[in-house]
Amino acid sequence: MYQDIAPQDLQKLQQQGTQIIDVREDWEYQSGHIPGARNIPLGTLPARIGELQGPLVVVCASGGRSASAAEFLAENGIHDVSNLLGGTGGWMRSGLPTEE
């Protein structure tokens, strides 16, 4: 399936080239996101799955939507999928940078 990871783990994975997919709505993404994250809103994910391949980490606001997205991706052939625990909020609470 997929694994849950902490914000500090994401930093390491990102340095290794792991793709970050932010499944929040556009307006949420534009209000601040993890540097380098690509926005694919959850509702559009099924139609855009062909654009994705692992390794990747799925992110949302708090971790709920991204867990659903990670499960969907894993069940549909995307290997090496992780979910960011606490989402973008957890990332920010850890003192890590965001960009608009």
PDB file of N, CA and C in Angstrom:
ATOM      1  N   MET A   1       0.838  -1.189   0.000  1.00  0.00           N
ATOM      2  CA  MET A   1       0.000   0.000   0.000  1.00  0.00           C
ATOM      3  C   MET A   1       0.882   1.252   0.000  1.00  0.00           C
ATOM      4  N   TYR A   2       0.736   2.066   1.017  1.00  0.00           N
ATOM      5  CA  TYR A   2       1.537   3.277   1.130  1.00  0.00           C
ATOM      6  C   TYR A   2       2.033   3.385   2.556  1.00  0.00           C
ATOM      7  N   GLN A   3       2.977   4.292   2.781  1.00  0.00           N
ATOM      8  CA  GLN A   3       3.476   4.500   4.134  1.00  0.00           C
ATOM      9  C   GLN A   3       3.264   5.953   4.537  1.00  0.00           C
ATOM     10  N   ASP A   4       3.163   6.193   5.838  1.00  0.00           N
ATOM     11  CA  ASP A   4       3.076   7.549   6.373  1.00  0.00           C
ATOM     12  C   ASP A   4       4.482   8.000   6.734  1.00  0.00           C
ATOM     13  N   ILE A   5       4.777   9.263   6.445  1.00  0.00           N
ATOM     14  CA  ILE A   5       6.090   9.795   6.783  1.00  0.00           C
ATOM     15  C   ILE A   5       5.949  11.129   7.507  1.00  0.00           C
ATOM     16  N   ALA A   6       6.978  11.496   8.253  1.00  0.00           N
ATOM     17  CA  ALA A   6       7.028  12.761   8.988  1.00  0.00           C
ATOM     18  C   ALA A   6       7.629  13.847   8.098  1.00  0.00           C
ATOM     19  N   PRO A   7       7.370  15.115   8.433  1.00  0.00           N
ATOM     20  CA  PRO A   7       7.920  16.212   7.639  1.00  0.00           C
ATOM     21  C   PRO A   7       9.446  16.131   7.463  1.00  0.00           C
ATOM     22  N   GLN A   8      10.160  15.760   8.500  1.00  0.00           N
ATOM     23  CA  GLN A   8      11.615  15.683   8.403  1.00  0.00           C
ATOM     24  C   GLN A   8      12.043  14.599   7.406  1.00  0.00           C
ATOM     25  N   ASP A   9      11.268  13.524   7.334  1.00  0.00           N
ATOM     26  CA  ASP A   9      11.560  12.461   6.359  1.00  0.00           C
ATOM     27  C   ASP A   9      11.338  12.966   4.932  1.00  0.00           C
ATOM     28  N   LEU A  10      10.319  13.803   4.763  1.00  0.00           N
ATOM     29  CA  LEU A  10      10.032  14.344   3.438  1.00  0.00           C
ATOM     30  C   LEU A  10      11.191  15.193   2.946  1.00  0.00           C
ATOM     31  N   GLN A  11      11.789  15.969   3.827  1.00  0.00           N
ATOM     32  CA  GLN A  11      12.936  16.778   3.417  1.00  0.00           C
ATOM     33  C   GLN A  11      14.025  15.903   2.811  1.00  0.00           C
ATOM     34  N   LYS A  12      14.331  14.791   3.450  1.00  0.00           N
ATOM     35  CA  LYS A  12      15.364  13.879   2.953  1.00  0.00           C
ATOM     36  C   LYS A  12      14.959  13.288   1.604  1.00  0.00           C
ATOM     37  N   LEU A  13      13.708  12.836   1.499  1.00  0.00           N
ATOM     38  CA  LEU A  13      13.227  12.241   0.254  1.00  0.00           C
ATOM     39  C   LEU A  13      13.236  13.253  -0.893  1.00  0.00           C
ATOM     40  N   GLN A  14      12.883  14.492  -0.578  1.00  0.00           N
ATOM     41  CA  GLN A  14      12.852  15.533  -1.596  1.00  0.00           C
ATOM     42  C   GLN A  14      14.258  15.774  -2.155  1.00  0.00           C
ATOM     43  N   GLN A  15      15.239  15.726  -1.305  1.00  0.00           N
ATOM     44  CA  GLN A  15      16.625  15.902  -1.755  1.00  0.00           C
ATOM     45  C   GLN A  15      17.061  14.755  -2.662  1.00  0.00           C
ATOM     46  N   GLN A  16      16.389  13.607  -2.547  1.00  0.00           N
ATOM     47  CA  GLN A  16      16.703  12.446  -3.377  1.00  0.00           C
ATOM     48  C   GLN A  16      15.860  12.413  -4.660  1.00  0.00           C
ATOM     49  N   GLY A  17      15.052  13.447  -4.883  1.00  0.00           N
ATOM     50  CA  GLY A  17      14.277  13.542  -6.111  1.00  0.00           C
ATOM     51  C   GLY A  17      12.853  13.040  -6.051  1.00  0.00           C
ATOM     52  N   THR A  18      12.356  12.736  -4.852  1.00  0.00           N
ATOM     53  CA  THR A  18      10.967  12.297  -4.718  1.00  0.00           C
ATOM     54  C   THR A  18      10.018  13.437  -5.075  1.00  0.00           C
ATOM     55  N   GLN A  19       9.009  13.122  -5.853  1.00  0.00           N
ATOM     56  CA  GLN A  19       8.007  14.071  -6.292  1.00  0.00           C
ATOM     57  C   GLN A  19       6.983  14.311  -5.172  1.00  0.00           C
ATOM     58  N   ILE A  20       6.568  15.560  -4.980  1.00  0.00           N
ATOM     59  CA  ILE A  20       5.539  15.894  -3.993  1.00  0.00           C
ATOM     60  C   ILE A  20       4.284  16.313  -4.744  1.00  0.00           C
ATOM     61  N   ILE A  21       3.168  15.648  -4.422  1.00  0.00           N
ATOM     62  CA  ILE A  21       1.881  15.954  -5.043  1.00  0.00           C
ATOM     63  C   ILE A  21       0.960  16.523  -3.963  1.00  0.00           C
ATOM     64  N   ASP A  22       0.540  17.756  -4.147  1.00  0.00           N
ATOM     65  CA  ASP A  22      -0.360  18.448  -3.219  1.00  0.00           C
ATOM     66  C   ASP A  22      -1.776  18.311  -3.763  1.00  0.00           C
ATOM     67  N   VAL A  23      -2.638  17.589  -3.039  1.00  0.00           N
ATOM     68  CA  VAL A  23      -3.988  17.306  -3.533  1.00  0.00           C
ATOM     69  C   VAL A  23      -5.043  18.295  -3.030  1.00  0.00           C
ATOM     70  N   ARG A  24      -4.598  19.399  -2.452  1.00  0.00           N
ATOM     71  CA  ARG A  24      -5.557  20.420  -2.021  1.00  0.00           C
ATOM     72  C   ARG A  24      -6.111  21.157  -3.242  1.00  0.00           C
ATOM     73  N   GLU A  25      -7.169  21.904  -3.028  1.00  0.00           N
ATOM     74  CA  GLU A  25      -7.748  22.725  -4.091  1.00  0.00           C
ATOM     75  C   GLU A  25      -6.758  23.833  -4.464  1.00  0.00           C
ATOM     76  N   ASP A  26      -6.924  24.381  -5.661  1.00  0.00           N
ATOM     77  CA  ASP A  26      -6.003  25.409  -6.153  1.00  0.00           C
ATOM     78  C   ASP A  26      -5.842  26.564  -5.174  1.00  0.00           C
ATOM     79  N   TRP A  27      -6.965  27.057  -4.637  1.00  0.00           N
ATOM     80  CA  TRP A  27      -6.897  28.209  -3.740  1.00  0.00           C
ATOM     81  C   TRP A  27      -6.123  27.884  -2.467  1.00  0.00           C
ATOM     82  N   GLU A  28      -6.213  26.638  -1.983  1.00  0.00           N
ATOM     83  CA  GLU A  28      -5.450  26.232  -0.806  1.00  0.00           C
ATOM     84  C   GLU A  28      -3.959  26.193  -1.134  1.00  0.00           C
ATOM     85  N   TYR A  29      -3.657  25.595  -2.266  1.00  0.00           N
ATOM     86  CA  TYR A  29      -2.274  25.484  -2.723  1.00  0.00           C
ATOM     87  C   TYR A  29      -1.636  26.867  -2.868  1.00  0.00           C
ATOM     88  N   GLN A  30      -2.384  27.796  -3.460  1.00  0.00           N
ATOM     89  CA  GLN A  30      -1.861  29.140  -3.698  1.00  0.00           C
ATOM     90  C   GLN A  30      -1.668  29.936  -2.419  1.00  0.00           C
ATOM     91  N   SER A  31      -2.296  29.521  -1.330  1.00  0.00           N
ATOM     92  CA  SER A  31      -2.133  30.238  -0.063  1.00  0.00           C
ATOM     93  C   SER A  31      -0.837  29.845   0.645  1.00  0.00           C
ATOM     94  N   GLY A  32      -0.146  28.849   0.126  1.00  0.00           N
ATOM     95  CA  GLY A  32       1.136  28.424   0.686  1.00  0.00           C
ATOM     96  C   GLY A  32       1.278  26.922   0.575  1.00  0.00           C
ATOM     97  N   HIS A  33       2.420  26.480   0.024  1.00  0.00           N
ATOM     98  CA  HIS A  33       2.644  25.052  -0.179  1.00  0.00           C
ATOM     99  C   HIS A  33       4.121  24.713   0.035  1.00  0.00           C
ATOM    100  N   ILE A  34       4.396  23.436   0.115  1.00  0.00           N
ATOM    101  CA  ILE A  34       5.760  22.955   0.276  1.00  0.00           C
ATOM    102  C   ILE A  34       6.534  23.272  -1.003  1.00  0.00           C
ATOM    103  N   PRO A  35       7.722  23.846  -0.883  1.00  0.00           N
ATOM    104  CA  PRO A  35       8.501  24.163  -2.078  1.00  0.00           C
ATOM    105  C   PRO A  35       8.671  22.936  -2.984  1.00  0.00           C
ATOM    106  N   GLY A  36       8.412  23.136  -4.266  1.00  0.00           N
ATOM    107  CA  GLY A  36       8.565  22.071  -5.241  1.00  0.00           C
ATOM    108  C   GLY A  36       7.351  21.176  -5.404  1.00  0.00           C
ATOM    109  N   ALA A  37       6.320  21.378  -4.570  1.00  0.00           N
ATOM    110  CA  ALA A  37       5.120  20.540  -4.664  1.00  0.00           C
ATOM    111  C   ALA A  37       4.334  20.882  -5.922  1.00  0.00           C
ATOM    112  N   ARG A  38       3.777  19.847  -6.529  1.00  0.00           N
ATOM    113  CA  ARG A  38       2.945  19.989  -7.723  1.00  0.00           C
ATOM    114  C   ARG A  38       1.480  19.855  -7.307  1.00  0.00           C
ATOM    115  N   ASN A  39       0.633  20.766  -7.753  1.00  0.00           N
ATOM    116  CA  ASN A  39      -0.774  20.759  -7.362  1.00  0.00           C
ATOM    117  C   ASN A  39      -1.619  19.939  -8.336  1.00  0.00           C
ATOM    118  N   ILE A  40      -2.210  18.862  -7.812  1.00  0.00           N
ATOM    119  CA  ILE A  40      -3.195  18.063  -8.537  1.00  0.00           C
ATOM    120  C   ILE A  40      -4.344  17.835  -7.560  1.00  0.00           C
ATOM    121  N   PRO A  41      -5.384  18.684  -7.605  1.00  0.00           N
ATOM    122  CA  PRO A  41      -6.494  18.540  -6.659  1.00  0.00           C
ATOM    123  C   PRO A  41      -7.065  17.119  -6.648  1.00  0.00           C
ATOM    124  N   LEU A  42      -7.467  16.672  -5.478  1.00  0.00           N
ATOM    125  CA  LEU A  42      -7.947  15.309  -5.284  1.00  0.00           C
ATOM    126  C   LEU A  42      -9.021  14.913  -6.295  1.00  0.00           C
ATOM    127  N   GLY A  43      -9.951  15.810  -6.590  1.00  0.00           N
ATOM    128  CA  GLY A  43     -11.024  15.500  -7.525  1.00  0.00           C
ATOM    129  C   GLY A  43     -10.551  15.233  -8.944  1.00  0.00           C
ATOM    130  N   THR A  44      -9.366  15.718  -9.294  1.00  0.00           N
ATOM    131  CA  THR A  44      -8.844  15.519 -10.643  1.00  0.00           C
ATOM    132  C   THR A  44      -7.835  14.365 -10.706  1.00  0.00           C
ATOM    133  N   LEU A  45      -7.495  13.795  -9.565  1.00  0.00           N
ATOM    134  CA  LEU A  45      -6.458  12.761  -9.509  1.00  0.00           C
ATOM    135  C   LEU A  45      -6.754  11.553 -10.404  1.00  0.00           C
ATOM    136  N   PRO A  46      -7.971  10.992 -10.399  1.00  0.00           N
ATOM    137  CA  PRO A  46      -8.217   9.828 -11.258  1.00  0.00           C
ATOM    138  C   PRO A  46      -7.936  10.106 -12.745  1.00  0.00           C
ATOM    139  N   ALA A  47      -8.281  11.296 -13.210  1.00  0.00           N
ATOM    140  CA  ALA A  47      -8.066  11.633 -14.614  1.00  0.00           C
ATOM    141  C   ALA A  47      -6.598  11.910 -14.933  1.00  0.00           C
ATOM    142  N   ARG A  48      -5.809  12.211 -13.898  1.00  0.00           N
ATOM    143  CA  ARG A  48      -4.415  12.595 -14.123  1.00  0.00           C
ATOM    144  C   ARG A  48      -3.411  11.553 -13.647  1.00  0.00           C
ATOM    145  N   ILE A  49      -3.886  10.384 -13.244  1.00  0.00           N
ATOM    146  CA  ILE A  49      -2.990   9.361 -12.709  1.00  0.00           C
ATOM    147  C   ILE A  49      -1.895   8.969 -13.713  1.00  0.00           C
ATOM    148  N   GLY A  50      -2.197   9.069 -14.996  1.00  0.00           N
ATOM    149  CA  GLY A  50      -1.214   8.730 -16.016  1.00  0.00           C
ATOM    150  C   GLY A  50       0.007   9.631 -16.018  1.00  0.00           C
ATOM    151  N   GLU A  51      -0.086  10.792 -15.362  1.00  0.00           N
ATOM    152  CA  GLU A  51       1.032  11.734 -15.274  1.00  0.00           C
ATOM    153  C   GLU A  51       2.015  11.366 -14.155  1.00  0.00           C
ATOM    154  N   LEU A  52       1.650  10.385 -13.339  1.00  0.00           N
ATOM    155  CA  LEU A  52       2.408  10.133 -12.114  1.00  0.00           C
ATOM    156  C   LEU A  52       3.131   8.798 -12.112  1.00  0.00           C
ATOM    157  N   GLN A  53       4.241   8.780 -11.424  1.00  0.00           N
ATOM    158  CA  GLN A  53       4.959   7.542 -11.131  1.00  0.00           C
ATOM    159  C   GLN A  53       5.753   7.786  -9.851  1.00  0.00           C
ATOM    160  N   GLY A  54       6.002   6.726  -9.119  1.00  0.00           N
ATOM    161  CA  GLY A  54       6.731   6.846  -7.860  1.00  0.00           C
ATOM    162  C   GLY A  54       8.215   6.998  -8.096  1.00  0.00           C
ATOM    163  N   PRO A  55       8.960   7.371  -7.109  1.00  0.00           N
ATOM    164  CA  PRO A  55       8.470   7.638  -5.762  1.00  0.00           C
ATOM    165  C   PRO A  55       7.795   9.007  -5.665  1.00  0.00           C
ATOM    166  N   LEU A  56       6.741   9.048  -4.852  1.00  0.00           N
ATOM    167  CA  LEU A  56       6.079  10.318  -4.612  1.00  0.00           C
ATOM    168  C   LEU A  56       5.475  10.355  -3.223  1.00  0.00           C
ATOM    169  N   VAL A  57       5.306  11.583  -2.731  1.00  0.00           N
ATOM    170  CA  VAL A  57       4.676  11.831  -1.443  1.00  0.00           C
ATOM    171  C   VAL A  57       3.449  12.689  -1.704  1.00  0.00           C
ATOM    172  N   VAL A  58       2.314  12.283  -1.139  1.00  0.00           N
ATOM    173  CA  VAL A  58       1.064  13.008  -1.311  1.00  0.00           C
ATOM    174  C   VAL A  58       0.817  13.855  -0.067  1.00  0.00           C
ATOM    175  N   VAL A  59       0.383  15.103  -0.291  1.00  0.00           N
ATOM    176  CA  VAL A  59       0.218  16.089   0.774  1.00  0.00           C
ATOM    177  C   VAL A  59      -1.140  16.762   0.627  1.00  0.00           C
ATOM    178  N   CYS A  60      -1.765  17.110   1.763  1.00  0.00           N
ATOM    179  CA  CYS A  60      -2.963  17.950   1.754  1.00  0.00           C
ATOM    180  C   CYS A  60      -2.831  18.942   2.906  1.00  0.00           C
ATOM    181  N   ALA A  61      -3.934  19.385   3.474  1.00  0.00           N
ATOM    182  CA  ALA A  61      -3.872  20.346   4.575  1.00  0.00           C
ATOM    183  C   ALA A  61      -3.477  19.676   5.884  1.00  0.00           C
ATOM    184  N   SER A  62      -4.112  18.532   6.205  1.00  0.00           N
ATOM    185  CA  SER A  62      -3.862  17.900   7.504  1.00  0.00           C
ATOM    186  C   SER A  62      -3.513  16.413   7.420  1.00  0.00           C
ATOM    187  N   GLY A  63      -3.601  15.804   6.260  1.00  0.00           N
ATOM    188  CA  GLY A  63      -3.240  14.400   6.091  1.00  0.00           C
ATOM    189  C   GLY A  63      -4.383  13.471   5.740  1.00  0.00           C
ATOM    190  N   GLY A  64      -5.621  13.938   5.812  1.00  0.00           N
ATOM    191  CA  GLY A  64      -6.775  13.088   5.516  1.00  0.00           C
ATOM    192  C   GLY A  64      -6.978  12.833   4.036  1.00  0.00           C
ATOM    193  N   ARG A  65      -7.074  13.909   3.262  1.00  0.00           N
ATOM    194  CA  ARG A  65      -7.258  13.760   1.810  1.00  0.00           C
ATOM    195  C   ARG A  65      -6.055  13.068   1.172  1.00  0.00           C
ATOM    196  N   SER A  66      -4.872  13.404   1.662  1.00  0.00           N
ATOM    197  CA  SER A  66      -3.675  12.803   1.059  1.00  0.00           C
ATOM    198  C   SER A  66      -3.592  11.313   1.368  1.00  0.00           C
ATOM    199  N   ALA A  67      -4.087  10.883   2.526  1.00  0.00           N
ATOM    200  CA  ALA A  67      -4.117   9.443   2.827  1.00  0.00           C
ATOM    201  C   ALA A  67      -5.038   8.729   1.839  1.00  0.00           C
ATOM    202  N   SER A  68      -6.196   9.327   1.542  1.00  0.00           N
ATOM    203  CA  SER A  68      -7.118   8.750   0.560  1.00  0.00           C
ATOM    204  C   SER A  68      -6.469   8.705  -0.814  1.00  0.00           C
ATOM    205  N   ALA A  69      -5.775   9.776  -1.177  1.00  0.00           N
ATOM    206  CA  ALA A  69      -5.107   9.843  -2.471  1.00  0.00           C
ATOM    207  C   ALA A  69      -3.988   8.811  -2.558  1.00  0.00           C
ATOM    208  N   ALA A  70      -3.200   8.671  -1.487  1.00  0.00           N
ATOM    209  CA  ALA A  70      -2.104   7.700  -1.480  1.00  0.00           C
ATOM    210  C   ALA A  70      -2.648   6.283  -1.632  1.00  0.00           C
ATOM    211  N   GLU A  71      -3.741   5.993  -0.958  1.00  0.00           N
ATOM    212  CA  GLU A  71      -4.351   4.673  -1.073  1.00  0.00           C
ATOM    213  C   GLU A  71      -4.843   4.432  -2.508  1.00  0.00           C
ATOM    214  N   PHE A  72      -5.506   5.421  -3.086  1.00  0.00           N
ATOM    215  CA  PHE A  72      -5.987   5.313  -4.462  1.00  0.00           C
ATOM    216  C   PHE A  72      -4.827   5.054  -5.424  1.00  0.00           C
ATOM    217  N   LEU A  73      -3.756   5.824  -5.286  1.00  0.00           N
ATOM    218  CA  LEU A  73      -2.609   5.674  -6.185  1.00  0.00           C
ATOM    219  C   LEU A  73      -1.975   4.297  -6.045  1.00  0.00           C
ATOM    220  N   ALA A  74      -1.796   3.855  -4.804  1.00  0.00           N
ATOM    221  CA  ALA A  74      -1.191   2.540  -4.568  1.00  0.00           C
ATOM    222  C   ALA A  74      -2.053   1.423  -5.153  1.00  0.00           C
ATOM    223  N   GLU A  75      -3.367   1.552  -5.011  1.00  0.00           N
ATOM    224  CA  GLU A  75      -4.284   0.532  -5.532  1.00  0.00           C
ATOM    225  C   GLU A  75      -4.355   0.540  -7.062  1.00  0.00           C
ATOM    226  N   ASN A  76      -3.889   1.639  -7.662  1.00  0.00           N
ATOM    227  CA  ASN A  76      -3.971   1.770  -9.114  1.00  0.00           C
ATOM    228  C   ASN A  76      -2.598   1.759  -9.791  1.00  0.00           C
ATOM    229  N   GLY A  77      -1.670   1.053  -9.174  1.00  0.00           N
ATOM    230  CA  GLY A  77      -0.407   0.764  -9.828  1.00  0.00           C
ATOM    231  C   GLY A  77       0.741   1.727  -9.626  1.00  0.00           C
ATOM    232  N   ILE A  78       0.563   2.751  -8.811  1.00  0.00           N
ATOM    233  CA  ILE A  78       1.680   3.651  -8.535  1.00  0.00           C
ATOM    234  C   ILE A  78       2.447   3.080  -7.343  1.00  0.00           C
ATOM    235  N   HIS A  79       3.704   2.775  -7.570  1.00  0.00           N
ATOM    236  CA  HIS A  79       4.525   2.172  -6.521  1.00  0.00           C
ATOM    237  C   HIS A  79       5.323   3.244  -5.784  1.00  0.00           C
ATOM    238  N   ASP A  80       5.695   2.942  -4.559  1.00  0.00           N
ATOM    239  CA  ASP A  80       6.509   3.830  -3.733  1.00  0.00           C
ATOM    240  C   ASP A  80       5.779   5.144  -3.467  1.00  0.00           C
ATOM    241  N   VAL A  81       4.610   5.027  -2.824  1.00  0.00           N
ATOM    242  CA  VAL A  81       3.777   6.175  -2.474  1.00  0.00           C
ATOM    243  C   VAL A  81       3.788   6.365  -0.967  1.00  0.00           C
ATOM    244  N   SER A  82       3.934   7.620  -0.535  1.00  0.00           N
ATOM    245  CA  SER A  82       3.891   7.954   0.887  1.00  0.00           C
ATOM    246  C   SER A  82       2.897   9.079   1.120  1.00  0.00           C
ATOM    247  N   ASN A  83       2.412   9.167   2.357  1.00  0.00           N
ATOM    248  CA  ASN A  83       1.498  10.210   2.799  1.00  0.00           C
ATOM    249  C   ASN A  83       2.204  11.031   3.873  1.00  0.00           C
ATOM    250  N   LEU A  84       2.152  12.356   3.757  1.00  0.00           N
ATOM    251  CA  LEU A  84       2.775  13.219   4.754  1.00  0.00           C
ATOM    252  C   LEU A  84       1.857  13.368   5.961  1.00  0.00           C
ATOM    253  N   LEU A  85       2.287  12.850   7.101  1.00  0.00           N
ATOM    254  CA  LEU A  85       1.517  12.983   8.342  1.00  0.00           C
ATOM    255  C   LEU A  85       1.393  14.459   8.722  1.00  0.00           C
ATOM    256  N   GLY A  86       0.187  14.890   9.056  1.00  0.00           N
ATOM    257  CA  GLY A  86      -0.036  16.272   9.455  1.00  0.00           C
ATOM    258  C   GLY A  86      -0.165  17.237   8.294  1.00  0.00           C
ATOM    259  N   GLY A  87       0.078  16.764   7.084  1.00  0.00           N
ATOM    260  CA  GLY A  87      -0.078  17.588   5.885  1.00  0.00           C
ATOM    261  C   GLY A  87       0.762  18.854   5.893  1.00  0.00           C
ATOM    262  N   THR A  88       0.301  19.825   5.138  1.00  0.00           N
ATOM    263  CA  THR A  88       1.012  21.101   5.042  1.00  0.00           C
ATOM    264  C   THR A  88       1.048  21.802   6.396  1.00  0.00           C
ATOM    265  N   GLY A  89      -0.028  21.647   7.170  1.00  0.00           N
ATOM    266  CA  GLY A  89      -0.058  22.237   8.512  1.00  0.00           C
ATOM    267  C   GLY A  89       1.039  21.669   9.396  1.00  0.00           C
ATOM    268  N   GLY A  90       1.235  20.359   9.351  1.00  0.00           N
ATOM    269  CA  GLY A  90       2.299  19.718  10.126  1.00  0.00           C
ATOM    270  C   GLY A  90       3.674  20.152   9.662  1.00  0.00           C
ATOM    271  N   TRP A  91       3.814  20.304   8.355  1.00  0.00           N
ATOM    272  CA  TRP A  91       5.069  20.796   7.773  1.00  0.00           C
ATOM    273  C   TRP A  91       5.397  22.179   8.350  1.00  0.00           C
ATOM    274  N   MET A  92       4.390  23.061   8.346  1.00  0.00           N
ATOM    275  CA  MET A  92       4.582  24.433   8.843  1.00  0.00           C
ATOM    276  C   MET A  92       4.837  24.440  10.349  1.00  0.00           C
ATOM    277  N   ARG A  93       4.127  23.606  11.111  1.00  0.00           N
ATOM    278  CA  ARG A  93       4.335  23.546  12.562  1.00  0.00           C
ATOM    279  C   ARG A  93       5.737  23.035  12.894  1.00  0.00           C
ATOM    280  N   SER A  94       6.346  22.303  11.968  1.00  0.00           N
ATOM    281  CA  SER A  94       7.712  21.818  12.165  1.00  0.00           C
ATOM    282  C   SER A  94       8.740  22.901  11.838  1.00  0.00           C
ATOM    283  N   GLY A  95       8.250  24.081  11.433  1.00  0.00           N
ATOM    284  CA  GLY A  95       9.146  25.195  11.134  1.00  0.00           C
ATOM    285  C   GLY A  95       9.782  25.123   9.762  1.00  0.00           C
ATOM    286  N   LEU A  96       9.206  24.318   8.879  1.00  0.00           N
ATOM    287  CA  LEU A  96       9.770  24.138   7.544  1.00  0.00           C
ATOM    288  C   LEU A  96       9.177  25.160   6.579  1.00  0.00           C
ATOM    289  N   PRO A  97       9.898  25.540   5.524  1.00  0.00           N
ATOM    290  CA  PRO A  97       9.473  26.636   4.651  1.00  0.00           C
ATOM    291  C   PRO A  97       8.327  26.272   3.711  1.00  0.00           C
ATOM    292  N   THR A  98       7.569  27.298   3.356  1.00  0.00           N
ATOM    293  CA  THR A  98       6.548  27.170   2.320  1.00  0.00           C
ATOM    294  C   THR A  98       6.790  28.274   1.291  1.00  0.00           C
ATOM    295  N   GLU A  99       6.121  28.128   0.153  1.00  0.00           N
ATOM    296  CA  GLU A  99       6.178  29.170  -0.867  1.00  0.00           C
ATOM    297  C   GLU A  99       4.767  29.395  -1.389  1.00  0.00           C
ATOM    298  N   GLU A 100       4.555  30.543  -1.994  1.00  0.00           N
ATOM    299  CA  GLU A 100       3.229  30.860  -2.561  1.00  0.00           C
ATOM    300  C   GLU A 100       3.283  30.835  -4.060  1.00  0.00           C
TER     301      GLU A 100
END
